[in-house]
Amino acid sequence: MGYLTAMSNYKISEAEPYATAETVENTLHAIEKYIMPNLDSNVIKQNTPATIEIIDVSIVDDTTAEVTYKKTTPIQVQEGKLEMVKRDKDWKAQVNIQIPEMLKIEYKVDSKALDEKYKGKLTPGKPGQVPPTPKKPKVSGN
């Protein structure tokens, strides 16, 4: 429940101990770096505090389970599912959000210049798709 409670309350770094290494690297760090800074603070205020109720846990096999939960915020109630996987002796959240390739490259480079260049301009694309190069305005010789 730690993962769901942290994520539902926009406390991304608090979710890390409950997530697989892959989820932390590929999803949580990108959310924290690119989504959270652009999220309207009013959205966060309206949706917190959020509480989580576990409705069901379905064991798929020795290393995989699916958790069905209900998230209640001041403005809505939602149901969802979360995949859990066993890592060593611990069950961890396994979340794979597809992040555009350019975002992955920029995140790994971690260049402030790239962050500033694309801040607010990132849009989802297909894996391997390169964003179009902006065209320079034509200058007429008046």
N, C-alpha and C. Protein backbone atom coordinates (compact mmCIF):
# COMPACT_ATOMS: atom_id res chain seq x y z
N MET A 1 0.81 -1.19 0.00
CA MET A 1 0.00 0.00 0.00
C MET A 1 0.86 1.25 0.00
N GLY A 2 2.10 1.14 0.42
CA GLY A 2 2.99 2.30 0.48
C GLY A 2 3.17 2.96 -0.88
N TYR A 3 3.32 2.14 -1.92
CA TYR A 3 3.50 2.67 -3.27
C TYR A 3 2.26 3.46 -3.69
N LEU A 4 1.10 2.85 -3.55
CA LEU A 4 -0.14 3.49 -3.98
C LEU A 4 -0.44 4.76 -3.20
N THR A 5 -0.22 4.72 -1.90
CA THR A 5 -0.48 5.91 -1.07
C THR A 5 0.45 7.05 -1.46
N ALA A 6 1.73 6.75 -1.64
CA ALA A 6 2.69 7.80 -2.02
C ALA A 6 2.34 8.39 -3.39
N MET A 7 2.11 7.55 -4.37
CA MET A 7 1.80 8.04 -5.71
C MET A 7 0.49 8.82 -5.74
N SER A 8 -0.50 8.34 -5.02
CA SER A 8 -1.80 9.01 -5.01
C SER A 8 -1.74 10.38 -4.36
N ASN A 9 -0.74 10.59 -3.51
CA ASN A 9 -0.58 11.87 -2.84
C ASN A 9 0.57 12.69 -3.42
N TYR A 10 0.99 12.33 -4.64
CA TYR A 10 2.01 13.07 -5.40
C TYR A 10 3.36 13.12 -4.69
N LYS A 11 3.67 12.10 -3.92
CA LYS A 11 4.95 12.02 -3.21
C LYS A 11 5.78 10.92 -3.88
N ILE A 12 6.26 11.25 -5.05
CA ILE A 12 6.88 10.26 -5.93
C ILE A 12 8.10 9.60 -5.28
N SER A 13 8.96 10.38 -4.66
CA SER A 13 10.17 9.80 -4.07
C SER A 13 9.84 8.83 -2.93
N GLU A 14 8.72 9.05 -2.25
CA GLU A 14 8.32 8.15 -1.17
C GLU A 14 7.85 6.79 -1.69
N ALA A 15 7.55 6.72 -2.98
CA ALA A 15 7.09 5.46 -3.59
C ALA A 15 8.27 4.55 -3.95
N GLU A 16 9.46 5.12 -4.08
CA GLU A 16 10.62 4.36 -4.55
C GLU A 16 10.92 3.08 -3.78
N PRO A 17 10.89 3.08 -2.44
CA PRO A 17 11.22 1.83 -1.73
C PRO A 17 10.26 0.69 -2.01
N TYR A 18 9.08 1.01 -2.53
CA TYR A 18 8.05 0.00 -2.77
C TYR A 18 8.00 -0.43 -4.24
N ALA A 19 8.90 0.09 -5.06
CA ALA A 19 8.87 -0.17 -6.49
C ALA A 19 10.11 -0.96 -6.92
N THR A 20 9.97 -1.66 -8.05
CA THR A 20 11.12 -2.36 -8.60
C THR A 20 12.14 -1.34 -9.10
N ALA A 21 13.37 -1.78 -9.25
CA ALA A 21 14.41 -0.89 -9.77
C ALA A 21 14.04 -0.36 -11.15
N GLU A 22 13.43 -1.20 -11.97
CA GLU A 22 13.02 -0.79 -13.31
C GLU A 22 11.94 0.30 -13.25
N THR A 23 11.02 0.16 -12.33
CA THR A 23 9.96 1.16 -12.18
C THR A 23 10.56 2.49 -11.72
N VAL A 24 11.47 2.43 -10.78
CA VAL A 24 12.12 3.65 -10.30
C VAL A 24 12.85 4.33 -11.44
N GLU A 25 13.66 3.58 -12.16
CA GLU A 25 14.50 4.14 -13.23
C GLU A 25 13.69 4.64 -14.40
N ASN A 26 12.76 3.84 -14.89
CA ASN A 26 12.05 4.17 -16.12
C ASN A 26 10.78 4.98 -15.94
N THR A 27 10.21 4.97 -14.77
CA THR A 27 8.93 5.64 -14.58
C THR A 27 9.00 6.74 -13.52
N LEU A 28 9.36 6.38 -12.30
CA LEU A 28 9.28 7.36 -11.20
C LEU A 28 10.20 8.56 -11.40
N HIS A 29 11.44 8.31 -11.81
CA HIS A 29 12.35 9.44 -12.01
C HIS A 29 11.87 10.37 -13.12
N ALA A 30 11.33 9.82 -14.18
CA ALA A 30 10.82 10.65 -15.26
C ALA A 30 9.58 11.43 -14.83
N ILE A 31 8.70 10.81 -14.06
CA ILE A 31 7.52 11.52 -13.55
C ILE A 31 7.96 12.68 -12.68
N GLU A 32 8.90 12.41 -11.79
CA GLU A 32 9.37 13.44 -10.87
C GLU A 32 10.06 14.59 -11.60
N LYS A 33 10.79 14.25 -12.64
CA LYS A 33 11.58 15.27 -13.34
C LYS A 33 10.77 16.05 -14.37
N TYR A 34 9.87 15.40 -15.09
CA TYR A 34 9.20 16.05 -16.21
C TYR A 34 7.72 16.32 -16.01
N ILE A 35 7.04 15.50 -15.25
CA ILE A 35 5.60 15.71 -15.09
C ILE A 35 5.29 16.58 -13.88
N MET A 36 5.88 16.25 -12.74
CA MET A 36 5.56 16.99 -11.52
C MET A 36 5.85 18.49 -11.63
N PRO A 37 6.97 18.93 -12.21
CA PRO A 37 7.21 20.38 -12.30
C PRO A 37 6.19 21.11 -13.17
N ASN A 38 5.51 20.39 -14.07
CA ASN A 38 4.54 21.02 -14.95
C ASN A 38 3.10 20.82 -14.51
N LEU A 39 2.91 20.16 -13.37
CA LEU A 39 1.56 19.87 -12.89
C LEU A 39 1.02 21.07 -12.12
N ASP A 40 -0.19 21.45 -12.41
CA ASP A 40 -0.85 22.58 -11.75
C ASP A 40 -1.02 22.27 -10.27
N SER A 41 -0.54 23.16 -9.40
CA SER A 41 -0.63 22.93 -7.96
C SER A 41 -2.09 22.83 -7.49
N ASN A 42 -3.02 23.45 -8.21
CA ASN A 42 -4.44 23.34 -7.84
C ASN A 42 -4.95 21.91 -8.04
N VAL A 43 -4.43 21.21 -9.04
CA VAL A 43 -4.82 19.82 -9.27
C VAL A 43 -4.39 18.97 -8.07
N ILE A 44 -3.18 19.20 -7.61
CA ILE A 44 -2.67 18.47 -6.44
C ILE A 44 -3.52 18.77 -5.21
N LYS A 45 -3.82 20.03 -4.97
CA LYS A 45 -4.63 20.42 -3.81
C LYS A 45 -6.02 19.78 -3.85
N GLN A 46 -6.63 19.75 -5.02
CA GLN A 46 -7.98 19.18 -5.16
C GLN A 46 -8.00 17.67 -4.94
N ASN A 47 -6.89 17.01 -5.26
CA ASN A 47 -6.86 15.54 -5.21
C ASN A 47 -6.16 14.97 -3.99
N THR A 48 -5.84 15.81 -3.03
CA THR A 48 -5.20 15.31 -1.80
C THR A 48 -5.97 15.82 -0.60
N PRO A 49 -5.95 15.07 0.47
CA PRO A 49 -5.29 13.79 0.64
C PRO A 49 -6.07 12.67 -0.04
N ALA A 50 -5.32 11.68 -0.49
CA ALA A 50 -5.91 10.50 -1.11
C ALA A 50 -5.71 9.31 -0.19
N THR A 51 -6.72 8.46 -0.11
CA THR A 51 -6.59 7.23 0.68
C THR A 51 -6.77 6.03 -0.25
N ILE A 52 -6.13 4.95 0.14
CA ILE A 52 -6.16 3.72 -0.66
C ILE A 52 -6.79 2.60 0.15
N GLU A 53 -7.67 1.86 -0.51
CA GLU A 53 -8.27 0.66 0.09
C GLU A 53 -7.99 -0.51 -0.85
N ILE A 54 -7.35 -1.55 -0.34
CA ILE A 54 -7.09 -2.74 -1.15
C ILE A 54 -8.38 -3.55 -1.21
N ILE A 55 -8.85 -3.82 -2.41
CA ILE A 55 -10.08 -4.57 -2.61
C ILE A 55 -9.79 -6.05 -2.78
N ASP A 56 -8.72 -6.37 -3.53
CA ASP A 56 -8.43 -7.77 -3.81
C ASP A 56 -6.95 -7.91 -4.19
N VAL A 57 -6.39 -9.06 -3.87
CA VAL A 57 -5.05 -9.42 -4.31
C VAL A 57 -5.15 -10.77 -4.99
N SER A 58 -4.80 -10.80 -6.27
CA SER A 58 -4.83 -12.04 -7.03
C SER A 58 -3.40 -12.50 -7.28
N ILE A 59 -3.08 -13.67 -6.75
CA ILE A 59 -1.76 -14.23 -6.96
C ILE A 59 -1.76 -14.94 -8.32
N VAL A 60 -0.91 -14.49 -9.23
CA VAL A 60 -0.82 -15.08 -10.56
C VAL A 60 0.09 -16.30 -10.52
N ASP A 61 1.25 -16.14 -9.92
CA ASP A 61 2.19 -17.24 -9.73
C ASP A 61 3.12 -16.88 -8.57
N ASP A 62 4.23 -17.61 -8.42
CA ASP A 62 5.12 -17.38 -7.27
C ASP A 62 5.78 -16.01 -7.26
N THR A 63 5.82 -15.33 -8.40
CA THR A 63 6.52 -14.05 -8.47
C THR A 63 5.68 -12.89 -8.99
N THR A 64 4.40 -13.14 -9.26
CA THR A 64 3.55 -12.09 -9.82
C THR A 64 2.19 -12.07 -9.13
N ALA A 65 1.70 -10.86 -8.87
CA ALA A 65 0.37 -10.70 -8.28
C ALA A 65 -0.25 -9.42 -8.85
N GLU A 66 -1.58 -9.34 -8.74
CA GLU A 66 -2.29 -8.15 -9.18
C GLU A 66 -3.15 -7.65 -8.03
N VAL A 67 -2.98 -6.38 -7.70
CA VAL A 67 -3.72 -5.76 -6.61
C VAL A 67 -4.81 -4.88 -7.21
N THR A 68 -6.03 -5.07 -6.77
CA THR A 68 -7.14 -4.21 -7.15
C THR A 68 -7.38 -3.29 -5.96
N TYR A 69 -7.47 -1.99 -6.25
CA TYR A 69 -7.59 -1.01 -5.16
C TYR A 69 -8.62 0.06 -5.49
N LYS A 70 -9.02 0.76 -4.45
CA LYS A 70 -9.91 1.91 -4.59
C LYS A 70 -9.18 3.12 -4.02
N LYS A 71 -9.09 4.18 -4.83
CA LYS A 71 -8.47 5.42 -4.40
C LYS A 71 -9.56 6.46 -4.21
N THR A 72 -9.58 7.06 -3.01
CA THR A 72 -10.57 8.08 -2.70
C THR A 72 -9.86 9.40 -2.46
N THR A 73 -10.27 10.42 -3.21
CA THR A 73 -9.75 11.78 -3.03
C THR A 73 -10.92 12.68 -2.67
N PRO A 74 -10.66 13.93 -2.30
CA PRO A 74 -11.78 14.83 -1.99
C PRO A 74 -12.76 15.03 -3.14
N ILE A 75 -12.34 14.76 -4.38
CA ILE A 75 -13.23 15.04 -5.51
C ILE A 75 -13.65 13.81 -6.32
N GLN A 76 -13.05 12.64 -6.04
CA GLN A 76 -13.45 11.47 -6.83
C GLN A 76 -13.05 10.16 -6.16
N VAL A 77 -13.66 9.09 -6.64
CA VAL A 77 -13.31 7.73 -6.22
C VAL A 77 -12.99 6.96 -7.50
N GLN A 78 -11.85 6.29 -7.50
CA GLN A 78 -11.43 5.52 -8.66
C GLN A 78 -11.01 4.13 -8.23
N GLU A 79 -11.20 3.18 -9.12
CA GLU A 79 -10.65 1.84 -8.90
C GLU A 79 -9.54 1.63 -9.90
N GLY A 80 -8.55 0.84 -9.49
CA GLY A 80 -7.44 0.56 -10.39
C GLY A 80 -6.79 -0.76 -10.05
N LYS A 81 -5.81 -1.12 -10.86
CA LYS A 81 -5.06 -2.36 -10.64
C LYS A 81 -3.58 -2.02 -10.69
N LEU A 82 -2.82 -2.76 -9.91
CA LEU A 82 -1.38 -2.58 -9.84
C LEU A 82 -0.71 -3.93 -9.90
N GLU A 83 0.27 -4.07 -10.80
CA GLU A 83 1.03 -5.31 -10.89
C GLU A 83 2.13 -5.30 -9.84
N MET A 84 2.25 -6.41 -9.14
CA MET A 84 3.30 -6.59 -8.14
C MET A 84 4.17 -7.77 -8.56
N VAL A 85 5.47 -7.64 -8.33
CA VAL A 85 6.39 -8.73 -8.63
C VAL A 85 7.27 -8.97 -7.41
N LYS A 86 7.68 -10.22 -7.24
CA LYS A 86 8.51 -10.57 -6.10
C LYS A 86 9.98 -10.39 -6.49
N ARG A 87 10.68 -9.58 -5.73
CA ARG A 87 12.11 -9.36 -5.91
C ARG A 87 12.79 -9.78 -4.61
N ASP A 88 13.59 -10.82 -4.69
CA ASP A 88 14.17 -11.45 -3.49
C ASP A 88 13.01 -11.90 -2.63
N LYS A 89 12.85 -11.34 -1.44
CA LYS A 89 11.74 -11.75 -0.57
C LYS A 89 10.62 -10.72 -0.50
N ASP A 90 10.80 -9.59 -1.21
CA ASP A 90 9.84 -8.49 -1.12
C ASP A 90 8.96 -8.38 -2.37
N TRP A 91 7.72 -7.99 -2.15
CA TRP A 91 6.82 -7.70 -3.25
C TRP A 91 6.96 -6.21 -3.59
N LYS A 92 7.16 -5.91 -4.88
CA LYS A 92 7.38 -4.54 -5.34
C LYS A 92 6.40 -4.19 -6.46
N ALA A 93 6.06 -2.92 -6.53
CA ALA A 93 5.20 -2.43 -7.61
C ALA A 93 5.98 -2.45 -8.92
N GLN A 94 5.34 -2.95 -9.97
CA GLN A 94 5.94 -2.99 -11.31
C GLN A 94 5.07 -2.16 -12.23
N VAL A 95 5.54 -0.99 -12.59
CA VAL A 95 4.77 -0.07 -13.42
C VAL A 95 5.62 0.31 -14.63
N ASN A 96 5.07 0.16 -15.80
CA ASN A 96 5.78 0.52 -17.02
C ASN A 96 4.97 1.53 -17.80
N ILE A 97 5.27 2.80 -17.60
CA ILE A 97 4.63 3.85 -18.38
C ILE A 97 5.54 4.11 -19.57
N GLN A 98 4.98 4.11 -20.76
CA GLN A 98 5.78 4.35 -21.96
C GLN A 98 6.12 5.84 -22.04
N ILE A 99 7.41 6.12 -22.01
CA ILE A 99 7.87 7.50 -22.08
C ILE A 99 8.53 7.67 -23.45
N PRO A 100 8.22 8.75 -24.14
CA PRO A 100 8.81 8.94 -25.47
C PRO A 100 10.33 8.79 -25.45
N GLU A 101 10.89 8.24 -26.53
CA GLU A 101 12.32 7.99 -26.61
C GLU A 101 13.14 9.25 -26.35
N MET A 102 12.70 10.38 -26.89
CA MET A 102 13.46 11.61 -26.70
C MET A 102 13.54 11.97 -25.22
N LEU A 103 12.45 11.75 -24.52
CA LEU A 103 12.44 12.03 -23.08
C LEU A 103 13.42 11.11 -22.37
N LYS A 104 13.47 9.83 -22.76
CA LYS A 104 14.40 8.90 -22.14
C LYS A 104 15.84 9.34 -22.38
N ILE A 105 16.13 9.74 -23.61
CA ILE A 105 17.49 10.16 -23.94
C ILE A 105 17.86 11.39 -23.13
N GLU A 106 16.99 12.37 -23.10
CA GLU A 106 17.28 13.60 -22.36
C GLU A 106 17.41 13.32 -20.87
N TYR A 107 16.58 12.43 -20.36
CA TYR A 107 16.64 12.11 -18.94
C TYR A 107 17.99 11.48 -18.60
N LYS A 108 18.45 10.56 -19.44
CA LYS A 108 19.73 9.89 -19.17
C LYS A 108 20.89 10.86 -19.31
N VAL A 109 20.81 11.77 -20.28
CA VAL A 109 21.86 12.76 -20.46
C VAL A 109 21.85 13.72 -19.28
N ASP A 110 20.64 14.02 -18.79
CA ASP A 110 20.45 14.91 -17.65
C ASP A 110 21.07 16.27 -17.87
N SER A 111 20.92 16.80 -19.06
CA SER A 111 21.50 18.08 -19.40
C SER A 111 20.50 19.20 -19.13
N LYS A 112 20.93 20.18 -18.37
CA LYS A 112 20.06 21.32 -18.05
C LYS A 112 19.68 22.06 -19.33
N ALA A 113 20.60 22.14 -20.27
CA ALA A 113 20.31 22.82 -21.53
C ALA A 113 19.19 22.13 -22.27
N LEU A 114 19.21 20.80 -22.32
CA LEU A 114 18.15 20.07 -23.00
C LEU A 114 16.83 20.23 -22.27
N ASP A 115 16.88 20.21 -20.94
CA ASP A 115 15.66 20.39 -20.16
C ASP A 115 15.02 21.74 -20.48
N GLU A 116 15.82 22.79 -20.53
CA GLU A 116 15.29 24.12 -20.81
C GLU A 116 14.77 24.21 -22.25
N LYS A 117 15.48 23.59 -23.17
CA LYS A 117 15.09 23.65 -24.58
C LYS A 117 13.71 23.05 -24.80
N TYR A 118 13.41 21.92 -24.13
CA TYR A 118 12.17 21.20 -24.37
C TYR A 118 11.12 21.36 -23.29
N LYS A 119 11.40 22.13 -22.24
CA LYS A 119 10.46 22.27 -21.13
C LYS A 119 9.09 22.73 -21.65
N GLY A 120 8.07 21.95 -21.33
CA GLY A 120 6.71 22.29 -21.74
C GLY A 120 6.40 21.98 -23.19
N LYS A 121 7.38 21.45 -23.94
CA LYS A 121 7.17 21.19 -25.35
C LYS A 121 7.18 19.71 -25.67
N LEU A 122 7.39 18.86 -24.68
CA LEU A 122 7.44 17.43 -24.94
C LEU A 122 6.04 16.89 -25.19
N THR A 123 5.91 16.14 -26.23
CA THR A 123 4.65 15.49 -26.52
C THR A 123 4.91 14.01 -26.75
N PRO A 124 3.97 13.16 -26.39
CA PRO A 124 4.19 11.73 -26.59
C PRO A 124 4.42 11.41 -28.07
N GLY A 125 5.31 10.49 -28.31
CA GLY A 125 5.59 10.05 -29.68
C GLY A 125 5.75 8.55 -29.70
N LYS A 126 5.99 8.03 -30.87
CA LYS A 126 6.20 6.60 -31.01
C LYS A 126 7.65 6.29 -30.65
N PRO A 127 7.93 5.11 -30.07
CA PRO A 127 9.31 4.76 -29.77
C PRO A 127 10.19 4.89 -31.00
N GLY A 128 11.33 5.55 -30.83
CA GLY A 128 12.28 5.73 -31.92
C GLY A 128 11.97 6.92 -32.80
N GLN A 129 10.83 7.55 -32.58
CA GLN A 129 10.45 8.70 -33.41
C GLN A 129 11.24 9.92 -32.97
N VAL A 130 11.80 10.63 -33.96
CA VAL A 130 12.56 11.84 -33.67
C VAL A 130 11.64 13.03 -33.91
N PRO A 131 11.60 13.98 -32.95
CA PRO A 131 10.72 15.12 -33.15
C PRO A 131 11.17 15.95 -34.36
N PRO A 132 10.24 16.58 -35.06
CA PRO A 132 10.61 17.37 -36.23
C PRO A 132 11.46 18.58 -35.83
N THR A 133 12.37 18.94 -36.70
CA THR A 133 13.21 20.11 -36.47
C THR A 133 12.39 21.34 -36.83
N PRO A 134 12.36 22.34 -35.91
CA PRO A 134 11.58 23.54 -36.23
C PRO A 134 12.16 24.23 -37.46
N LYS A 135 11.28 24.70 -38.34
CA LYS A 135 11.71 25.40 -39.54
C LYS A 135 12.04 26.85 -39.19
N LYS A 136 13.11 27.35 -39.83
CA LYS A 136 13.48 28.74 -39.63
C LYS A 136 12.56 29.62 -40.47
N PRO A 137 12.18 30.77 -39.92
CA PRO A 137 11.29 31.65 -40.71
C PRO A 137 12.02 32.17 -41.95
N LYS A 138 11.28 32.28 -43.03
CA LYS A 138 11.85 32.84 -44.25
C LYS A 138 11.97 34.36 -44.11
N VAL A 139 13.10 34.84 -44.54
CA VAL A 139 13.31 36.29 -44.51
C VAL A 139 13.25 36.78 -45.95
N SER A 140 12.33 37.71 -46.18
CA SER A 140 12.20 38.23 -47.53
C SER A 140 13.10 39.43 -47.68
N GLY A 141 13.63 39.62 -48.84
CA GLY A 141 14.54 40.75 -49.11
C GLY A 141 13.78 41.95 -49.57
N ASN A 142 13.17 42.72 -48.66
CA ASN A 142 12.42 43.92 -49.03
C ASN A 142 13.32 45.06 -49.29
